[in-house]
Amino acid sequence: MNILNAILAQAEENPQAAAVIQLHKDQDSHYRETIHYTYGALIHEAHHLATKLLALMPEGALVGVVMGNTPEWVLADVALLLANLTEVPVPLAFSGEQAAWLLQHCKVILTDETGAERLTQWQQGGLQLAGEVMAITSGETLAGVAPLKHTAARMVEDTVIKVIHTSGTTSQPKGVQIRRHGLDALVDALWLRAEKGDYQRYLNLVPLSLLIEQVTALYMPLTSGGAVVMPPRDMPPLGSPGVTASERLAIIRQAKPSSLTLTPALVEALAEKAQVHGEKPGLLTALFGRETVPLLAAGGAPVNAEILFELDRLGIPVYQGYGLSENSSVATWNSRGANRIGTVGKPLAHVEIRISEERELCLRSTSLFAGYSNEDPSSCSVDKEGWLHTGDLATQDDDGFISIIGRKKTMIITANGRNISPEWLESAYRAVPGVLQVIVYGDRQQFLSGIFVVEDIAKAQTIRQAIATFARENLNEIEHIAEPVLLPHTPEIMEHLFTVTGRPRRNAIFDFLAQQETAKA
């Protein structure tokens, strides 16, 4: 599949079909929707914007995208595909120093209203831009655009079309260069695991700066004639400081999605709501506003297997997967008829898997990246045979299902010589009532330590007792955390200790704890 060709074909065949649906929240807290873009209108505007951008720079130039989850992002993404320009998405949760690193070589920086506000904040903090800032307002670039032509140019050259930055371990995050044909191969492989109707209404709740959300929210719906359902413009995405997953249950129910990507916290919130609903009829309608279950995908961090088993028992399968930007996102995924809870599924059709003697997961595929624009201590290596060394520790069972058991670089080795992978243990402790996030640490310590971000710090003593009880009943003694550090769920703490996808910033732990001690003194 050529993603761009497929989107253009949908616009030619069904120009009046809904491509982007915008949700608006009324005063009574109900969500209403409008069709923001038909396929025809989206491609018309994208052609216009692409022409405007190419008048300012040559093909292949870098273009920054500083936007929220808005229709303007969809417009910018499609226009950059048409223009064969390289998109540099900038997560709004990044610091000004990180944003400066990403934007330093961008000729133009595209913004919507949300992005412009964030850009101003960074500039007030000292950010200086070399590129031209171009504010995009959808619906204002249609004038004078010629009708869509059946002979619209198709981009077939395998160029770098995105540079994706993750938080990394420094203020200069690594840039993963994504190939056009790599994304094409990935979307092709995902369609082998999905059905066309799955992506008729995809609800976008995760930041579009994440590559996986670009794939699932934009390319899967738009290549199949579906629509991306976008949240209200003022609704921050999941992973934003201070946002809890339970706050998004209402919009899921009212949006009636056919598919969405879940964070681990959102899986847990759905399970809690299902438990409250009990055995009464109408569970799917109560959760999803529809009588059939959407296609639910989860990734980014481990999800507690017991929660997945319980949802599956209720007829709500959640298909957990695994991926990384270096593979253009997804590499393995559970699917209908092949869903083994506790694993991240089988490799996609275009992916080869190998487990090294050190248990490191290595993969080789046609969607691998074109290298880094800059290196970082968290960078992955590709050997001379084309195998990507992911840094993740894994096992593969006899049926081909992959289980991720930890990170090679985050493995804790205690003073007693015990090896402990913190990721799965963090997932386990998140099952304790009142606990929202966990970071386990203790390298070269005699006993493990842990930071627990809790929903209500006033219930600290009760939560401490629940942590101890959970450990005693479910974990071995080595995995007990005798003196957990409990912290309230605040935007400042979440931003300091976790990335936008909920991954712990392990290199920030000890500085943060030292600051806490200084503040007490």
Protein backbone atom coordinates (compact mmCIF):
# COMPACT_ATOMS: atom_id res chain seq x y z
CA MET A 1 0.00 0.00 0.00
CA ASN A 2 1.02 3.57 -0.70
CA ILE A 3 -0.61 5.58 2.10
CA LEU A 4 -0.87 8.79 0.11
CA ASN A 5 -2.30 7.04 -2.95
CA ALA A 6 -4.89 5.28 -0.79
CA ILE A 7 -6.02 8.54 0.84
CA LEU A 8 -6.25 10.27 -2.53
CA ALA A 9 -8.23 7.34 -3.92
CA GLN A 10 -10.75 7.62 -1.08
CA ALA A 11 -11.14 11.34 -1.85
CA GLU A 12 -11.70 10.61 -5.54
CA GLU A 13 -14.22 7.83 -4.91
CA ASN A 14 -16.11 9.32 -1.96
CA PRO A 15 -15.38 13.09 -1.82
CA GLN A 16 -18.40 13.81 0.42
CA ALA A 17 -17.58 11.14 3.01
CA ALA A 18 -16.56 12.37 6.48
CA ALA A 19 -12.80 12.38 7.01
CA VAL A 20 -12.51 14.47 10.20
CA ILE A 21 -15.27 14.74 12.79
CA GLN A 22 -14.92 17.44 15.44
CA LEU A 23 -16.49 17.02 18.88
CA HIS A 24 -17.76 20.01 20.85
CA LYS A 25 -18.78 19.99 24.51
CA ASP A 26 -22.08 21.70 25.31
CA GLN A 27 -22.90 23.44 28.58
CA ASP A 28 -24.79 20.33 29.72
CA SER A 29 -21.52 18.33 29.35
CA HIS A 30 -22.82 16.41 26.35
CA TYR A 31 -20.70 16.10 23.23
CA ARG A 32 -22.10 17.01 19.84
CA GLU A 33 -20.26 16.49 16.59
CA THR A 34 -19.83 18.19 13.24
CA ILE A 35 -18.13 17.01 10.07
CA HIS A 36 -15.11 19.28 9.93
CA TYR A 37 -13.64 17.82 6.75
CA THR A 38 -15.03 15.70 3.99
CA TYR A 39 -12.39 13.79 2.04
CA GLY A 40 -12.74 16.19 -0.89
CA ALA A 41 -12.35 19.31 1.24
CA LEU A 42 -9.38 17.87 3.14
CA ILE A 43 -7.46 17.05 -0.04
CA HIS A 44 -8.32 20.42 -1.63
CA GLU A 45 -6.93 22.29 1.36
CA ALA A 46 -3.93 19.97 1.61
CA HIS A 47 -3.03 20.63 -2.05
CA HIS A 48 -3.28 24.35 -1.39
CA LEU A 49 -1.06 24.20 1.71
CA ALA A 50 1.45 21.91 -0.01
CA THR A 51 1.78 24.36 -2.90
CA LYS A 52 2.26 27.24 -0.46
CA LEU A 53 4.98 25.38 1.45
CA LEU A 54 6.87 24.32 -1.67
CA ALA A 55 7.07 27.97 -2.70
CA LEU A 56 9.12 28.57 0.46
CA MET A 57 11.45 25.56 0.48
CA PRO A 58 12.63 22.58 -1.58
CA GLU A 59 11.30 19.04 -1.23
CA GLY A 60 12.82 17.18 1.70
CA ALA A 61 13.17 20.29 3.90
CA LEU A 62 12.26 20.05 7.58
CA VAL A 63 8.91 21.47 8.73
CA GLY A 64 8.06 21.71 12.43
CA VAL A 65 4.53 20.86 13.56
CA VAL A 66 3.60 22.48 16.88
CA MET A 67 -0.08 21.68 17.27
CA GLY A 68 -2.67 20.12 19.52
CA ASN A 69 -5.04 17.32 18.57
CA THR A 70 -6.95 19.40 16.02
CA PRO A 71 -8.12 19.21 12.40
CA GLU A 72 -5.20 21.49 11.54
CA TRP A 73 -2.83 18.65 12.43
CA VAL A 74 -4.60 16.35 9.96
CA LEU A 75 -4.42 19.03 7.27
CA ALA A 76 -0.72 19.65 7.91
CA ASP A 77 0.14 15.94 7.90
CA VAL A 78 -1.57 15.24 4.57
CA ALA A 79 -0.12 18.41 3.00
CA LEU A 80 3.41 17.41 4.02
CA LEU A 81 2.90 13.96 2.49
CA LEU A 82 1.78 15.63 -0.76
CA ALA A 83 4.68 18.09 -0.76
CA ASN A 84 7.29 15.45 0.09
CA LEU A 85 8.49 17.56 3.00
CA THR A 86 9.85 16.13 6.26
CA GLU A 87 7.53 16.52 9.24
CA VAL A 88 9.06 17.20 12.66
CA PRO A 89 6.28 16.82 15.27
CA VAL A 90 7.01 18.63 18.54
CA PRO A 91 5.29 17.22 21.66
CA LEU A 92 3.67 20.09 23.52
CA ALA A 93 4.79 18.53 26.81
CA PHE A 94 8.45 19.00 25.86
CA SER A 95 10.51 21.69 27.57
CA GLY A 96 11.59 24.83 25.73
CA GLU A 97 15.13 23.45 25.56
CA GLN A 98 13.90 20.24 23.94
CA ALA A 99 11.69 22.19 21.53
CA ALA A 100 14.65 24.36 20.52
CA TRP A 101 16.63 21.23 19.67
CA LEU A 102 13.84 19.87 17.49
CA LEU A 103 13.10 23.11 15.66
CA GLN A 104 16.62 24.40 15.04
CA HIS A 105 16.79 23.23 11.40
CA CYS A 106 13.10 23.67 10.47
CA LYS A 107 12.50 26.11 7.62
CA VAL A 108 8.85 26.60 8.60
CA ILE A 109 6.95 25.88 11.81
CA LEU A 110 3.24 25.14 11.42
CA THR A 111 0.98 25.98 14.36
CA ASP A 112 -2.66 25.89 15.32
CA GLU A 113 -4.12 27.97 18.16
CA THR A 114 -3.02 25.51 20.84
CA GLY A 115 0.48 25.20 19.39
CA ALA A 116 0.86 28.96 19.05
CA GLU A 117 0.15 29.40 22.76
CA ARG A 118 2.76 26.77 23.65
CA LEU A 119 5.27 28.31 21.25
CA THR A 120 4.78 31.68 22.95
CA GLN A 121 5.46 30.08 26.34
CA TRP A 122 8.70 28.57 25.04
CA GLN A 123 9.73 31.90 23.51
CA GLN A 124 9.07 33.71 26.77
CA GLY A 125 11.46 31.20 28.33
CA GLY A 126 14.19 32.06 25.83
CA LEU A 127 13.41 29.94 22.75
CA GLN A 128 14.68 31.58 19.56
CA LEU A 129 13.47 30.38 16.18
CA ALA A 130 15.32 30.48 12.88
CA GLY A 131 12.36 29.26 10.81
CA GLU A 132 9.22 31.10 9.79
CA VAL A 133 6.12 30.50 11.91
CA MET A 134 2.99 29.82 9.82
CA ALA A 135 -0.36 29.76 11.61
CA ILE A 136 -2.82 27.30 10.03
CA THR A 137 -6.57 27.71 10.34
CA SER A 138 -8.53 25.00 8.62
CA GLY A 139 -11.27 26.19 6.29
CA GLU A 140 -9.47 29.37 5.28
CA THR A 141 -7.30 28.08 2.44
CA LEU A 142 -9.94 26.85 0.01
CA ALA A 143 -10.27 30.00 -2.09
CA GLY A 144 -8.93 29.60 -5.60
CA VAL A 145 -8.05 25.92 -5.28
CA ALA A 146 -8.65 23.93 -8.46
CA PRO A 147 -10.83 20.81 -8.24
CA LEU A 148 -9.09 17.59 -7.31
CA LYS A 149 -7.59 15.98 -10.41
CA HIS A 150 -7.60 12.26 -11.05
CA THR A 151 -3.99 12.60 -12.20
CA ALA A 152 -2.77 13.99 -8.85
CA ALA A 153 0.94 13.27 -8.37
CA ARG A 154 1.74 10.12 -6.42
CA MET A 155 4.87 10.12 -4.32
CA VAL A 156 6.71 6.84 -4.82
CA GLU A 157 10.28 7.74 -3.85
CA ASP A 158 11.41 6.26 -0.52
CA THR A 159 12.29 9.53 1.20
CA VAL A 160 12.45 10.44 4.89
CA ILE A 161 9.02 11.92 5.63
CA LYS A 162 9.15 12.30 9.43
CA VAL A 163 11.67 12.78 12.19
CA ILE A 164 10.16 11.47 15.41
CA HIS A 165 11.69 12.52 18.73
CA THR A 166 11.21 10.68 21.98
CA SER A 167 12.10 12.06 25.40
CA GLY A 168 15.38 10.16 25.51
CA THR A 169 17.75 10.75 28.40
CA THR A 170 19.01 14.25 27.61
CA SER A 171 17.64 17.65 26.58
CA GLN A 172 18.65 16.77 23.00
CA PRO A 173 16.26 13.89 22.22
CA LYS A 174 17.19 11.47 19.47
CA GLY A 175 15.52 11.94 16.10
CA VAL A 176 14.22 8.76 14.46
CA GLN A 177 14.05 9.18 10.68
CA ILE A 178 10.92 7.52 9.28
CA ARG A 179 10.81 6.37 5.64
CA ARG A 180 7.78 6.74 3.38
CA HIS A 181 7.97 3.10 2.26
CA GLY A 182 8.52 2.03 5.86
CA LEU A 183 5.20 3.55 6.91
CA ASP A 184 3.54 2.03 3.85
CA ALA A 185 4.80 -1.45 4.84
CA LEU A 186 3.62 -1.00 8.42
CA VAL A 187 0.08 0.07 7.48
CA ASP A 188 -0.12 -2.82 5.01
CA ALA A 189 0.81 -5.27 7.77
CA LEU A 190 -1.65 -3.76 10.25
CA TRP A 191 -4.48 -4.19 7.76
CA LEU A 192 -3.73 -7.92 7.71
CA ARG A 193 -4.71 -7.97 11.42
CA ALA A 194 -7.72 -5.63 11.16
CA GLU A 195 -11.01 -5.42 9.29
CA LYS A 196 -12.02 -2.46 7.14
CA GLY A 197 -14.90 -1.48 9.40
CA ASP A 198 -12.66 -1.28 12.45
CA TYR A 199 -11.51 2.24 11.63
CA GLN A 200 -14.78 3.85 10.52
CA ARG A 201 -14.79 6.01 13.68
CA TYR A 202 -11.42 6.24 15.40
CA LEU A 203 -11.48 8.32 18.59
CA ASN A 204 -8.29 10.35 19.02
CA LEU A 205 -7.36 10.71 22.71
CA VAL A 206 -3.55 10.26 22.61
CA PRO A 207 -1.18 13.06 21.46
CA LEU A 208 -0.76 13.14 17.68
CA SER A 209 2.92 13.92 18.22
CA LEU A 210 3.29 10.18 18.92
CA LEU A 211 3.98 8.16 15.78
CA ILE A 212 1.67 5.30 16.80
CA GLU A 213 -1.24 7.74 17.03
CA GLN A 214 -0.44 9.19 13.62
CA VAL A 215 -0.63 5.65 12.26
CA THR A 216 -3.81 4.57 14.05
CA ALA A 217 -5.70 7.89 14.12
CA LEU A 218 -4.82 9.13 10.63
CA TYR A 219 -3.50 6.49 8.26
CA MET A 220 -5.68 3.53 9.24
CA PRO A 221 -8.99 5.49 9.01
CA LEU A 222 -8.06 7.63 6.01
CA THR A 223 -6.80 4.73 3.89
CA SER A 224 -10.09 2.86 4.43
CA GLY A 225 -12.69 5.60 4.05
CA GLY A 226 -13.16 6.01 7.80
CA ALA A 227 -13.09 9.15 9.92
CA VAL A 228 -10.95 10.36 12.79
CA VAL A 229 -13.13 11.68 15.61
CA MET A 230 -11.27 14.51 17.31
CA PRO A 231 -11.81 15.74 20.88
CA PRO A 232 -12.81 19.32 21.67
CA ARG A 233 -9.96 21.71 20.93
CA ASP A 234 -9.50 22.62 24.59
CA MET A 235 -9.33 18.99 25.80
CA PRO A 236 -5.74 18.01 26.64
CA PRO A 237 -4.74 14.53 25.44
CA LEU A 238 -4.03 11.57 27.67
CA GLY A 239 -0.57 11.85 29.19
CA SER A 240 -0.86 15.58 29.77
CA PRO A 241 0.10 16.62 33.31
CA GLY A 242 -2.88 16.44 35.64
CA VAL A 243 -5.14 14.46 33.27
CA THR A 244 -6.49 11.18 34.65
CA ALA A 245 -7.79 8.41 32.42
CA SER A 246 -11.17 8.22 34.20
CA GLU A 247 -11.90 11.75 32.97
CA ARG A 248 -12.07 10.42 29.40
CA LEU A 249 -14.70 7.72 29.97
CA ALA A 250 -17.60 10.08 29.21
CA ILE A 251 -16.26 11.12 25.81
CA ILE A 252 -15.63 7.48 24.88
CA ARG A 253 -19.22 6.57 25.66
CA GLN A 254 -20.69 9.53 23.78
CA ALA A 255 -18.35 9.34 20.75
CA LYS A 256 -19.33 5.70 20.04
CA PRO A 257 -15.93 4.83 18.51
CA SER A 258 -15.30 1.80 16.34
CA SER A 259 -11.66 1.81 17.49
CA LEU A 260 -9.23 3.61 19.77
CA THR A 261 -5.79 3.17 21.28
CA LEU A 262 -5.73 2.79 25.05
CA THR A 263 -3.03 3.72 27.52
CA PRO A 264 -2.58 1.24 30.40
CA ALA A 265 -4.28 3.73 32.72
CA LEU A 266 -7.30 3.93 30.39
CA VAL A 267 -7.56 0.12 30.29
CA GLU A 268 -7.64 0.14 34.09
CA ALA A 269 -10.26 2.91 34.15
CA LEU A 270 -12.53 0.97 31.77
CA ALA A 271 -12.13 -2.15 33.91
CA GLU A 272 -13.07 -0.23 37.05
CA LYS A 273 -16.18 1.17 35.38
CA ALA A 274 -17.12 -2.32 34.16
CA GLN A 275 -16.75 -3.62 37.71
CA VAL A 276 -19.05 -0.89 39.04
CA HIS A 277 -21.60 -1.71 36.30
CA GLY A 278 -21.63 -5.29 37.54
CA GLU A 279 -23.80 -7.97 35.98
CA LYS A 280 -26.51 -5.58 34.79
CA PRO A 281 -27.29 -5.67 31.04
CA GLY A 282 -26.02 -2.99 28.69
CA LEU A 283 -22.34 -3.02 29.66
CA LEU A 284 -21.03 -2.24 26.16
CA THR A 285 -23.46 0.66 25.77
CA ALA A 286 -22.45 2.00 29.19
CA LEU A 287 -18.78 1.91 28.26
CA PHE A 288 -18.75 2.63 24.52
CA GLY A 289 -22.21 3.95 23.64
CA ARG A 290 -22.76 1.04 21.24
CA GLU A 291 -23.86 -2.58 21.37
CA THR A 292 -20.68 -3.96 19.81
CA VAL A 293 -17.20 -3.67 21.25
CA PRO A 294 -14.72 -1.38 19.44
CA LEU A 295 -11.31 -2.56 18.33
CA LEU A 296 -9.24 -1.76 21.41
CA ALA A 297 -5.45 -1.68 21.10
CA ALA A 298 -3.05 -1.09 23.98
CA GLY A 299 0.68 -0.50 24.15
CA GLY A 300 3.40 1.76 25.47
CA ALA A 301 3.72 0.02 28.82
CA PRO A 302 2.63 -3.31 30.36
CA VAL A 303 -1.03 -3.78 31.28
CA ASN A 304 -1.85 -5.98 34.26
CA ALA A 305 -2.84 -9.39 32.84
CA GLU A 306 -5.56 -9.94 35.46
CA ILE A 307 -7.33 -6.80 34.26
CA LEU A 308 -7.13 -7.98 30.65
CA PHE A 309 -8.49 -11.41 31.60
CA GLU A 310 -11.43 -9.83 33.42
CA LEU A 311 -12.27 -7.55 30.48
CA ASP A 312 -11.99 -10.48 28.11
CA ARG A 313 -14.39 -12.48 30.30
CA LEU A 314 -16.86 -9.61 29.90
CA GLY A 315 -16.55 -9.77 26.12
CA ILE A 316 -14.19 -6.79 25.87
CA PRO A 317 -10.92 -7.99 24.35
CA VAL A 318 -7.99 -5.58 24.48
CA TYR A 319 -5.27 -6.38 21.95
CA GLN A 320 -1.92 -5.57 23.46
CA GLY A 321 1.01 -4.85 21.16
CA TYR A 322 4.62 -3.74 21.13
CA GLY A 323 6.50 -1.31 18.97
CA LEU A 324 9.11 1.38 18.79
CA SER A 325 9.69 4.38 16.55
CA GLU A 326 12.71 2.69 14.99
CA ASN A 327 10.27 0.23 13.37
CA SER A 328 7.80 3.00 12.41
CA SER A 329 5.89 1.97 15.56
CA VAL A 330 4.13 -1.44 15.81
CA ALA A 331 6.21 -4.64 15.55
CA THR A 332 4.03 -7.24 17.29
CA TRP A 333 0.30 -7.25 18.02
CA ASN A 334 -2.37 -9.55 19.35
CA SER A 335 -5.46 -9.81 17.15
CA ARG A 336 -8.82 -11.52 16.74
CA GLY A 337 -8.37 -15.27 16.87
CA ALA A 338 -4.80 -14.87 18.12
CA ASN A 339 -4.97 -13.00 21.41
CA ARG A 340 -2.79 -14.43 24.14
CA ILE A 341 -3.22 -12.27 27.21
CA GLY A 342 0.03 -11.50 28.99
CA THR A 343 1.94 -11.29 25.70
CA VAL A 344 2.32 -8.52 23.11
CA GLY A 345 1.23 -10.82 20.31
CA LYS A 346 2.92 -12.27 17.27
CA PRO A 347 5.23 -10.36 14.91
CA LEU A 348 3.49 -8.53 12.07
CA ALA A 349 3.82 -10.15 8.65
CA HIS A 350 6.73 -7.94 7.58
CA VAL A 351 8.71 -8.38 10.81
CA GLU A 352 11.31 -11.05 11.66
CA ILE A 353 12.08 -11.70 15.34
CA ARG A 354 15.16 -13.11 17.04
CA ILE A 355 15.86 -13.46 20.78
CA SER A 356 19.58 -13.19 21.56
CA GLU A 357 21.45 -15.28 24.11
CA GLU A 358 21.16 -12.31 26.49
CA ARG A 359 17.37 -12.44 25.93
CA GLU A 360 17.39 -9.17 23.98
CA LEU A 361 14.64 -8.79 21.40
CA CYS A 362 16.05 -8.16 17.93
CA LEU A 363 13.93 -7.48 14.87
CA ARG A 364 14.34 -6.99 11.15
CA SER A 365 11.64 -5.58 8.89
CA THR A 366 10.78 -3.49 5.84
CA SER A 367 9.54 -0.66 8.07
CA LEU A 368 12.84 0.00 9.86
CA PHE A 369 13.94 3.62 10.17
CA ALA A 370 16.60 5.35 8.07
CA GLY A 371 18.85 6.06 11.08
CA TYR A 372 19.01 8.80 13.69
CA SER A 373 19.34 12.50 13.03
CA ASN A 374 21.28 12.58 16.30
CA GLU A 375 22.29 9.98 18.84
CA ASP A 376 21.26 9.52 22.47
CA PRO A 377 22.30 7.02 25.16
CA SER A 378 18.93 5.33 24.58
CA SER A 379 19.61 4.80 20.85
CA CYS A 380 19.21 1.32 19.37
CA SER A 381 21.87 -0.23 17.15
CA VAL A 382 21.42 -2.04 13.84
CA ASP A 383 24.02 -4.73 13.15
CA LYS A 384 25.57 -5.53 9.77
CA GLU A 385 22.89 -8.15 9.08
CA GLY A 386 20.13 -5.59 9.49
CA TRP A 387 18.92 -6.68 12.94
CA LEU A 388 17.67 -3.87 15.19
CA HIS A 389 18.77 -4.45 18.78
CA THR A 390 15.80 -3.03 20.69
CA GLY A 391 17.24 -3.05 24.21
CA ASP A 392 14.09 -4.85 25.38
CA LEU A 393 14.28 -8.24 27.07
CA ALA A 394 11.80 -10.77 25.75
CA THR A 395 10.74 -14.38 25.41
CA GLN A 396 8.89 -16.14 22.59
CA ASP A 397 6.68 -19.16 23.21
CA ASP A 398 6.23 -22.18 20.96
CA ASP A 399 3.29 -20.55 19.17
CA GLY A 400 5.26 -17.43 18.33
CA PHE A 401 3.80 -15.03 20.92
CA ILE A 402 6.24 -12.48 22.34
CA SER A 403 6.42 -11.44 26.00
CA ILE A 404 8.38 -8.35 27.02
CA ILE A 405 10.02 -8.95 30.38
CA GLY A 406 11.98 -5.74 30.83
CA ARG A 407 14.56 -3.33 29.53
CA LYS A 408 18.19 -4.34 29.20
CA LYS A 409 19.34 -0.92 30.41
CA THR A 410 16.81 -0.61 33.27
CA MET A 411 17.45 -4.03 34.79
CA ILE A 412 17.92 -3.63 38.56
CA ILE A 413 20.72 -5.64 40.15
CA THR A 414 20.36 -5.55 43.92
CA ALA A 415 23.20 -5.62 46.42
CA ASN A 416 22.28 -9.26 46.94
CA GLY A 417 22.90 -10.02 43.27
CA ARG A 418 19.25 -10.46 42.28
CA ASN A 419 18.16 -9.29 38.81
CA ILE A 420 14.79 -7.54 38.74
CA SER A 421 13.02 -5.98 35.79
CA PRO A 422 11.11 -2.94 37.11
CA GLU A 423 8.55 -2.63 34.29
CA TRP A 424 6.35 -5.61 35.05
CA LEU A 425 6.61 -4.97 38.81
CA GLU A 426 5.40 -1.39 38.28
CA SER A 427 2.47 -2.76 36.31
CA ALA A 428 1.66 -5.14 39.15
CA TYR A 429 1.73 -2.44 41.84
CA ARG A 430 -0.58 -0.22 39.78
CA ALA A 431 -3.32 -2.73 40.59
CA VAL A 432 -3.37 -1.46 44.19
CA PRO A 433 -6.50 0.68 44.73
CA GLY A 434 -5.67 4.38 44.81
CA VAL A 435 -2.31 3.98 43.03
CA LEU A 436 -2.06 5.75 39.66
CA GLN A 437 1.62 5.39 38.74
CA VAL A 438 4.69 3.60 40.09
CA ILE A 439 8.45 3.83 39.63
CA VAL A 440 10.49 0.96 41.07
CA TYR A 441 14.23 1.48 41.66
CA GLY A 442 16.99 0.02 43.79
CA ASP A 443 20.06 -0.77 41.72
CA ARG A 444 22.88 -1.90 44.06
CA GLN A 445 20.57 -1.44 47.05
CA GLN A 446 19.85 -4.27 49.45
CA PHE A 447 16.07 -3.78 49.10
CA LEU A 448 13.84 -2.29 46.43
CA SER A 449 12.45 1.22 46.69
CA GLY A 450 9.46 2.74 44.92
CA ILE A 451 7.66 5.98 44.20
CA PHE A 452 3.87 5.68 44.18
CA VAL A 453 1.76 8.48 42.70
CA VAL A 454 -1.63 8.24 44.40
CA GLU A 455 -5.08 9.58 43.65
CA ASP A 456 -5.75 10.93 47.17
CA ILE A 457 -2.74 11.65 49.36
CA ALA A 458 -5.08 12.07 52.36
CA LYS A 459 -5.53 8.28 52.25
CA ALA A 460 -1.78 7.67 52.41
CA GLN A 461 -1.87 5.35 55.41
CA THR A 462 -4.62 3.19 53.93
CA ILE A 463 -2.75 2.97 50.62
CA ARG A 464 0.49 2.02 52.36
CA GLN A 465 -1.31 -0.85 54.07
CA ALA A 466 -2.86 -1.89 50.75
CA ILE A 467 0.59 -1.90 49.09
CA ALA A 468 1.98 -4.12 51.85
CA THR A 469 -0.99 -6.48 51.66
CA PHE A 470 -0.79 -6.71 47.88
CA ALA A 471 2.95 -7.51 48.02
CA ARG A 472 2.49 -10.14 50.72
CA GLU A 473 -0.30 -11.88 48.77
CA ASN A 474 1.02 -11.59 45.21
CA LEU A 475 4.80 -11.07 45.14
CA ASN A 476 7.92 -12.77 46.43
CA GLU A 477 9.87 -11.15 49.26
CA ILE A 478 12.53 -9.72 46.93
CA GLU A 479 9.81 -7.73 45.15
CA HIS A 480 8.39 -6.14 48.32
CA ILE A 481 8.79 -2.38 48.79
CA ALA A 482 8.81 -1.90 52.53
CA GLU A 483 8.95 1.91 52.57
CA PRO A 484 7.11 3.27 49.53
CA VAL A 485 7.35 6.98 48.80
CA LEU A 486 3.81 8.28 48.28
CA LEU A 487 3.27 11.42 46.21
CA PRO A 488 0.09 13.27 45.20
CA HIS A 489 -1.03 13.27 41.57
CA THR A 490 -0.15 16.80 40.44
CA PRO A 491 0.81 18.20 37.01
CA GLU A 492 4.25 19.18 38.30
CA ILE A 493 5.07 15.72 39.67
CA MET A 494 3.77 13.93 36.58
CA GLU A 495 5.73 16.18 34.24
CA HIS A 496 8.91 15.76 36.29
CA LEU A 497 8.78 11.98 36.71
CA PHE A 498 6.93 10.67 33.62
CA THR A 499 6.96 11.16 29.87
CA VAL A 500 3.76 11.96 27.95
CA THR A 501 3.28 8.23 27.30
CA GLY A 502 3.55 7.39 31.00
CA ARG A 503 7.08 5.97 30.92
CA PRO A 504 9.11 6.71 34.06
CA ARG A 505 11.93 9.24 33.75
CA ARG A 506 14.28 7.01 35.70
CA ASN A 507 17.23 9.37 35.39
CA ALA A 508 15.20 12.06 37.19
CA ILE A 509 14.37 10.03 40.31
CA PHE A 510 17.24 10.91 42.59
CA ASP A 511 17.37 14.61 41.73
CA PHE A 512 13.64 14.79 42.40
CA LEU A 513 13.92 13.01 45.76
CA ALA A 514 16.82 15.28 46.75
CA GLN A 515 14.69 18.33 45.95
CA GLN A 516 11.89 16.90 48.06
CA GLU A 517 14.24 16.45 51.02
CA THR A 518 15.63 19.98 50.58
CA ALA A 519 12.10 21.40 50.54
CA LYS A 520 11.31 19.62 53.82
CA ALA A 521 14.47 20.86 55.55
